[in-house]
C-alpha atoms as a PDB file:
ATOM      1  CA  UNK A   1     -39.209 -18.371 -12.578  1.00  0.00           C
ATOM      2  CA  UNK A   2     -37.152 -21.416 -11.740  1.00  0.00           C
ATOM      3  CA  UNK A   3     -35.209 -21.755  -8.498  1.00  0.00           C
ATOM      4  CA  UNK A   4     -32.299 -19.405  -9.068  1.00  0.00           C
ATOM      5  CA  UNK A   5     -30.603 -19.969  -5.702  1.00  0.00           C
ATOM      6  CA  UNK A   6     -28.582 -22.961  -6.934  1.00  0.00           C
ATOM      7  CA  UNK A   7     -27.029 -21.105  -9.881  1.00  0.00           C
ATOM      8  CA  UNK A   8     -23.265 -20.717  -9.615  1.00  0.00           C
ATOM      9  CA  UNK A   9     -21.626 -17.352 -10.096  1.00  0.00           C
ATOM     10  CA  UNK A  10     -18.098 -16.131  -9.439  1.00  0.00           C
ATOM     11  CA  UNK A  11     -17.541 -13.901  -6.410  1.00  0.00           C
ATOM     12  CA  UNK A  12     -15.008 -11.079  -6.107  1.00  0.00           C
ATOM     13  CA  UNK A  13     -12.330 -13.526  -4.955  1.00  0.00           C
ATOM     14  CA  UNK A  14     -12.743 -15.609  -8.109  1.00  0.00           C
ATOM     15  CA  UNK A  15     -14.518 -18.438  -6.271  1.00  0.00           C
ATOM     16  CA  UNK A  16     -17.568 -20.221  -7.672  1.00  0.00           C
ATOM     17  CA  UNK A  17     -20.508 -19.880  -5.300  1.00  0.00           C
ATOM     18  CA  UNK A  18     -24.198 -20.571  -5.516  1.00  0.00           C
ATOM     19  CA  UNK A  19     -26.467 -17.529  -5.345  1.00  0.00           C
ATOM     20  CA  UNK A  20     -27.746 -18.856  -1.996  1.00  0.00           C
ATOM     21  CA  UNK A  21     -24.186 -18.561  -0.610  1.00  0.00           C
ATOM     22  CA  UNK A  22     -23.855 -15.013  -1.967  1.00  0.00           C
ATOM     23  CA  UNK A  23     -27.159 -14.006  -0.335  1.00  0.00           C
ATOM     24  CA  UNK A  24     -25.751 -15.514   2.875  1.00  0.00           C
ATOM     25  CA  UNK A  25     -28.850 -14.961   5.044  1.00  0.00           C
ATOM     26  CA  UNK A  26     -28.917 -11.222   4.295  1.00  0.00           C
ATOM     27  CA  UNK A  27     -31.463  -8.970   2.671  1.00  0.00           C
ATOM     28  CA  UNK A  28     -30.045  -8.597  -0.820  1.00  0.00           C
ATOM     29  CA  UNK A  29     -30.472  -6.187  -3.697  1.00  0.00           C
ATOM     30  CA  UNK A  30     -29.134  -7.973  -6.764  1.00  0.00           C
ATOM     31  CA  UNK A  31     -28.888  -5.713  -9.750  1.00  0.00           C
ATOM     32  CA  UNK A  32     -28.135  -7.070 -13.205  1.00  0.00           C
ATOM     33  CA  UNK A  33     -26.353  -4.802 -15.651  1.00  0.00           C
ATOM     34  CA  UNK A  34     -25.093  -5.264 -19.213  1.00  0.00           C
ATOM     35  CA  UNK A  35     -21.428  -4.194 -19.263  1.00  0.00           C
ATOM     36  CA  UNK A  36     -18.668  -2.711 -17.113  1.00  0.00           C
ATOM     37  CA  UNK A  37     -17.498   0.803 -18.000  1.00  0.00           C
ATOM     38  CA  UNK A  38     -20.429   1.725 -20.233  1.00  0.00           C
ATOM     39  CA  UNK A  39     -22.224   5.019 -19.501  1.00  0.00           C
ATOM     40  CA  UNK A  40     -25.508   3.642 -18.092  1.00  0.00           C
ATOM     41  CA  UNK A  41     -23.846   0.859 -16.121  1.00  0.00           C
ATOM     42  CA  UNK A  42     -21.289   3.267 -14.668  1.00  0.00           C
ATOM     43  CA  UNK A  43     -24.026   5.689 -13.613  1.00  0.00           C
ATOM     44  CA  UNK A  44     -26.034   2.896 -11.983  1.00  0.00           C
ATOM     45  CA  UNK A  45     -23.010   1.443 -10.159  1.00  0.00           C
ATOM     46  CA  UNK A  46     -22.006   4.894  -8.886  1.00  0.00           C
ATOM     47  CA  UNK A  47     -25.536   5.536  -7.581  1.00  0.00           C
ATOM     48  CA  UNK A  48     -25.693   2.166  -5.806  1.00  0.00           C
ATOM     49  CA  UNK A  49     -22.197   2.789  -4.356  1.00  0.00           C
ATOM     50  CA  UNK A  50     -23.188   6.259  -3.188  1.00  0.00           C
ATOM     51  CA  UNK A  51     -26.272   4.835  -1.452  1.00  0.00           C
ATOM     52  CA  UNK A  52     -24.594   1.685  -0.101  1.00  0.00           C
ATOM     53  CA  UNK A  53     -24.402   2.967   3.485  1.00  0.00           C
ATOM     54  CA  UNK A  54     -28.135   3.797   3.364  1.00  0.00           C
ATOM     55  CA  UNK A  55     -28.905   0.243   2.204  1.00  0.00           C
ATOM     56  CA  UNK A  56     -26.644  -1.167   4.916  1.00  0.00           C
ATOM     57  CA  UNK A  57     -28.409   0.935   7.599  1.00  0.00           C
ATOM     58  CA  UNK A  58     -31.625  -0.941   6.821  1.00  0.00           C
ATOM     59  CA  UNK A  59     -29.839  -4.302   6.693  1.00  0.00           C
ATOM     60  CA  UNK A  60     -29.376  -4.795   2.942  1.00  0.00           C
ATOM     61  CA  UNK A  61     -26.344  -5.795   0.934  1.00  0.00           C
ATOM     62  CA  UNK A  62     -26.089  -4.626  -2.679  1.00  0.00           C
ATOM     63  CA  UNK A  63     -24.538  -6.823  -5.350  1.00  0.00           C
ATOM     64  CA  UNK A  64     -24.137  -6.131  -9.041  1.00  0.00           C
ATOM     65  CA  UNK A  65     -23.897  -8.976 -11.551  1.00  0.00           C
ATOM     66  CA  UNK A  66     -22.920  -9.003 -15.201  1.00  0.00           C
ATOM     67  CA  UNK A  67     -21.305 -11.405 -17.631  1.00  0.00           C
ATOM     68  CA  UNK A  68     -17.989  -9.509 -17.403  1.00  0.00           C
ATOM     69  CA  UNK A  69     -14.978 -11.198 -15.810  1.00  0.00           C
ATOM     70  CA  UNK A  70     -13.884 -10.599 -12.230  1.00  0.00           C
ATOM     71  CA  UNK A  71     -10.767  -8.892 -13.638  1.00  0.00           C
ATOM     72  CA  UNK A  72     -12.987  -6.487 -15.589  1.00  0.00           C
ATOM     73  CA  UNK A  73     -15.033  -5.855 -12.431  1.00  0.00           C
ATOM     74  CA  UNK A  74     -11.869  -5.031 -10.475  1.00  0.00           C
ATOM     75  CA  UNK A  75     -10.791  -2.471 -13.097  1.00  0.00           C
ATOM     76  CA  UNK A  76     -14.348  -1.044 -13.196  1.00  0.00           C
ATOM     77  CA  UNK A  77     -14.431  -0.657  -9.403  1.00  0.00           C
ATOM     78  CA  UNK A  78     -10.982   0.934  -9.257  1.00  0.00           C
ATOM     79  CA  UNK A  79     -11.609   3.320 -12.141  1.00  0.00           C
ATOM     80  CA  UNK A  80     -14.860   4.663 -10.638  1.00  0.00           C
ATOM     81  CA  UNK A  81     -14.214   4.159  -6.868  1.00  0.00           C
ATOM     82  CA  UNK A  82     -17.168   1.779  -6.604  1.00  0.00           C
ATOM     83  CA  UNK A  83     -17.995   0.202  -3.246  1.00  0.00           C
ATOM     84  CA  UNK A  84     -20.713  -2.285  -4.247  1.00  0.00           C
ATOM     85  CA  UNK A  85     -19.813  -5.950  -4.630  1.00  0.00           C
ATOM     86  CA  UNK A  86     -19.663  -7.132  -8.224  1.00  0.00           C
ATOM     87  CA  UNK A  87     -19.972 -10.795  -9.168  1.00  0.00           C
ATOM     88  CA  UNK A  88     -19.633 -12.514 -12.513  1.00  0.00           C
ATOM     89  CA  UNK A  89     -22.086 -14.743 -14.372  1.00  0.00           C
ATOM     90  CA  UNK A  90     -19.836 -15.516 -17.363  1.00  0.00           C
ATOM     91  CA  UNK A  91     -22.278 -17.743 -19.217  1.00  0.00           C
ATOM     92  CA  UNK A  92     -25.369 -15.779 -18.219  1.00  0.00           C
ATOM     93  CA  UNK A  93     -27.152 -18.746 -16.649  1.00  0.00           C
ATOM     94  CA  UNK A  94     -28.367 -16.829 -13.594  1.00  0.00           C
ATOM     95  CA  UNK A  95     -29.146 -13.729 -15.625  1.00  0.00           C
ATOM     96  CA  UNK A  96     -31.311 -15.760 -18.019  1.00  0.00           C
ATOM     97  CA  UNK A  97     -32.989 -17.692 -15.187  1.00  0.00           C
ATOM     98  CA  UNK A  98     -33.913 -14.384 -13.524  1.00  0.00           C
ATOM     99  CA  UNK A  99     -35.565 -13.220 -16.742  1.00  0.00           C
ATOM    100  CA  UNK A 100     -33.022 -10.428 -17.263  1.00  0.00           C
ATOM    101  CA  UNK A 101     -32.215 -11.488 -20.827  1.00  0.00           C
ATOM    102  CA  UNK A 102     -34.174 -10.628 -23.919  1.00  0.00           C
ATOM    103  CA  UNK A 103     -34.645  -8.447 -26.956  1.00  0.00           C
ATOM    104  CA  UNK A 104     -33.437  -4.886 -26.647  1.00  0.00           C
ATOM    105  CA  UNK A 105     -33.039  -1.979 -28.990  1.00  0.00           C
ATOM    106  CA  UNK A 106     -29.632  -0.377 -29.258  1.00  0.00           C
ATOM    107  CA  UNK A 107     -28.702   2.247 -31.819  1.00  0.00           C
ATOM    108  CA  UNK A 108     -31.749   1.362 -33.906  1.00  0.00           C
ATOM    109  CA  UNK A 109     -31.034  -2.373 -33.980  1.00  0.00           C
ATOM    110  CA  UNK A 110     -32.844  -5.103 -32.098  1.00  0.00           C
ATOM    111  CA  UNK A 111     -30.701  -7.787 -30.547  1.00  0.00           C
ATOM    112  CA  UNK A 112     -30.713 -10.158 -27.584  1.00  0.00           C
ATOM    113  CA  UNK A 113     -28.795  -9.263 -24.476  1.00  0.00           C
ATOM    114  CA  UNK A 114     -28.779  -8.437 -20.790  1.00  0.00           C
ATOM    115  CA  UNK A 115     -31.743  -6.337 -19.654  1.00  0.00           C
ATOM    116  CA  UNK A 116     -30.848  -3.967 -16.803  1.00  0.00           C
ATOM    117  CA  UNK A 117     -32.931  -5.389 -13.958  1.00  0.00           C
ATOM    118  CA  UNK A 118     -33.087  -5.492 -10.164  1.00  0.00           C
ATOM    119  CA  UNK A 119     -34.189  -8.159  -7.698  1.00  0.00           C
ATOM    120  CA  UNK A 120     -34.680  -8.096  -3.941  1.00  0.00           C
ATOM    121  CA  UNK A 121     -34.247 -11.331  -1.985  1.00  0.00           C
ATOM    122  CA  UNK A 122     -35.160 -11.946   1.646  1.00  0.00           C
ATOM    123  CA  UNK A 123     -32.466 -13.467   3.897  1.00  0.00           C
ATOM    124  CA  UNK A 124     -33.846 -16.954   3.279  1.00  0.00           C
ATOM    125  CA  UNK A 125     -33.614 -16.477  -0.485  1.00  0.00           C
ATOM    126  CA  UNK A 126     -37.225 -15.674  -1.345  1.00  0.00           C
ATOM    127  CA  UNK A 127     -37.559 -13.279  -4.266  1.00  0.00           C
ATOM    128  CA  UNK A 128     -39.770 -10.509  -2.885  1.00  0.00           C
ATOM    129  CA  UNK A 129     -39.499  -7.879  -5.632  1.00  0.00           C
ATOM    130  CA  UNK A 130     -38.252  -7.574  -9.191  1.00  0.00           C
ATOM    131  CA  UNK A 131     -38.148  -5.024 -11.962  1.00  0.00           C
ATOM    132  CA  UNK A 132     -36.991  -5.987 -15.449  1.00  0.00           C
ATOM    133  CA  UNK A 133     -35.576  -3.567 -18.033  1.00  0.00           C
ATOM    134  CA  UNK A 134     -35.097  -0.414 -15.943  1.00  0.00           C
ATOM    135  CA  UNK A 135     -33.467   2.917 -16.755  1.00  0.00           C
ATOM    136  CA  UNK A 136     -30.146   3.496 -14.990  1.00  0.00           C
ATOM    137  CA  UNK A 137     -30.570   7.122 -13.915  1.00  0.00           C
ATOM    138  CA  UNK A 138     -32.211   7.383 -10.495  1.00  0.00           C
ATOM    139  CA  UNK A 139     -32.931   3.661 -10.279  1.00  0.00           C
ATOM    140  CA  UNK A 140     -30.819   3.054  -7.156  1.00  0.00           C
ATOM    141  CA  UNK A 141     -32.800   5.743  -5.295  1.00  0.00           C
ATOM    142  CA  UNK A 142     -36.089   4.064  -6.254  1.00  0.00           C
ATOM    143  CA  UNK A 143     -34.772   0.680  -5.121  1.00  0.00           C
ATOM    144  CA  UNK A 144     -33.735   2.154  -1.758  1.00  0.00           C
ATOM    145  CA  UNK A 145     -37.270   3.451  -1.193  1.00  0.00           C
ATOM    146  CA  UNK A 146     -38.720   0.058  -2.154  1.00  0.00           C
ATOM    147  CA  UNK A 147     -36.275  -1.729   0.183  1.00  0.00           C
ATOM    148  CA  UNK A 148     -37.329   0.550   3.055  1.00  0.00           C
ATOM    149  CA  UNK A 149     -40.990  -0.170   2.347  1.00  0.00           C
ATOM    150  CA  UNK A 150     -40.413  -3.916   2.187  1.00  0.00           C
ATOM    151  CA  UNK A 151     -38.617  -3.843   5.544  1.00  0.00           C
ATOM    152  CA  UNK A 152     -41.312  -1.701   7.193  1.00  0.00           C
ATOM    153  CA  UNK A 153     -44.055  -3.978   5.831  1.00  0.00           C
ATOM    154  CA  UNK A 154     -42.217  -7.019   7.226  1.00  0.00           C
ATOM    155  CA  UNK A 155     -41.825  -5.384  10.648  1.00  0.00           C
ATOM    156  CA  UNK A 156     -45.496  -4.395  10.607  1.00  0.00           C
ATOM    157  CA  UNK A 157     -46.657  -7.938   9.758  1.00  0.00           C
ATOM    158  CA  UNK A 158     -44.054  -9.576  11.966  1.00  0.00           C
ATOM    159  CA  UNK A 159     -43.261 -12.336   9.478  1.00  0.00           C
ATOM    160  CA  UNK A 160     -40.427 -12.970   7.079  1.00  0.00           C
ATOM    161  CA  UNK A 161     -41.151 -14.026   3.500  1.00  0.00           C
END
């Protein structure tokens, strides 16, 4: 995977920022999802929002990214009372660089598109875990357990990746 930290995305304020700036020296769960207001994406966003305080307790921020506009994200958040940050990758450059783009089957047809995927970055921007093409239901809970394990392993070893 190429260096994804220099890719520009649009934050919630409509400002272009590099992924490195979004990570901002924090443990980061970056989840990639196909489309605002679709059933699976809504379920996933609600689960991550529901667990956000648990992620924050262990020092993680949670950010969702899709190719939808910031305006769409704002409506999505308001409609479903979401608390996670949502950023936009309108051309899909970051999503493709992360490997979260590929062939998928939908309603019996195969087409290219965003693969629901999750990435964990250390505060200095090192990718420490990834899972491509996940199922929405229950995924946020699994990621929380993985994040806890990563943090405990780091504390045990005493070194940051």
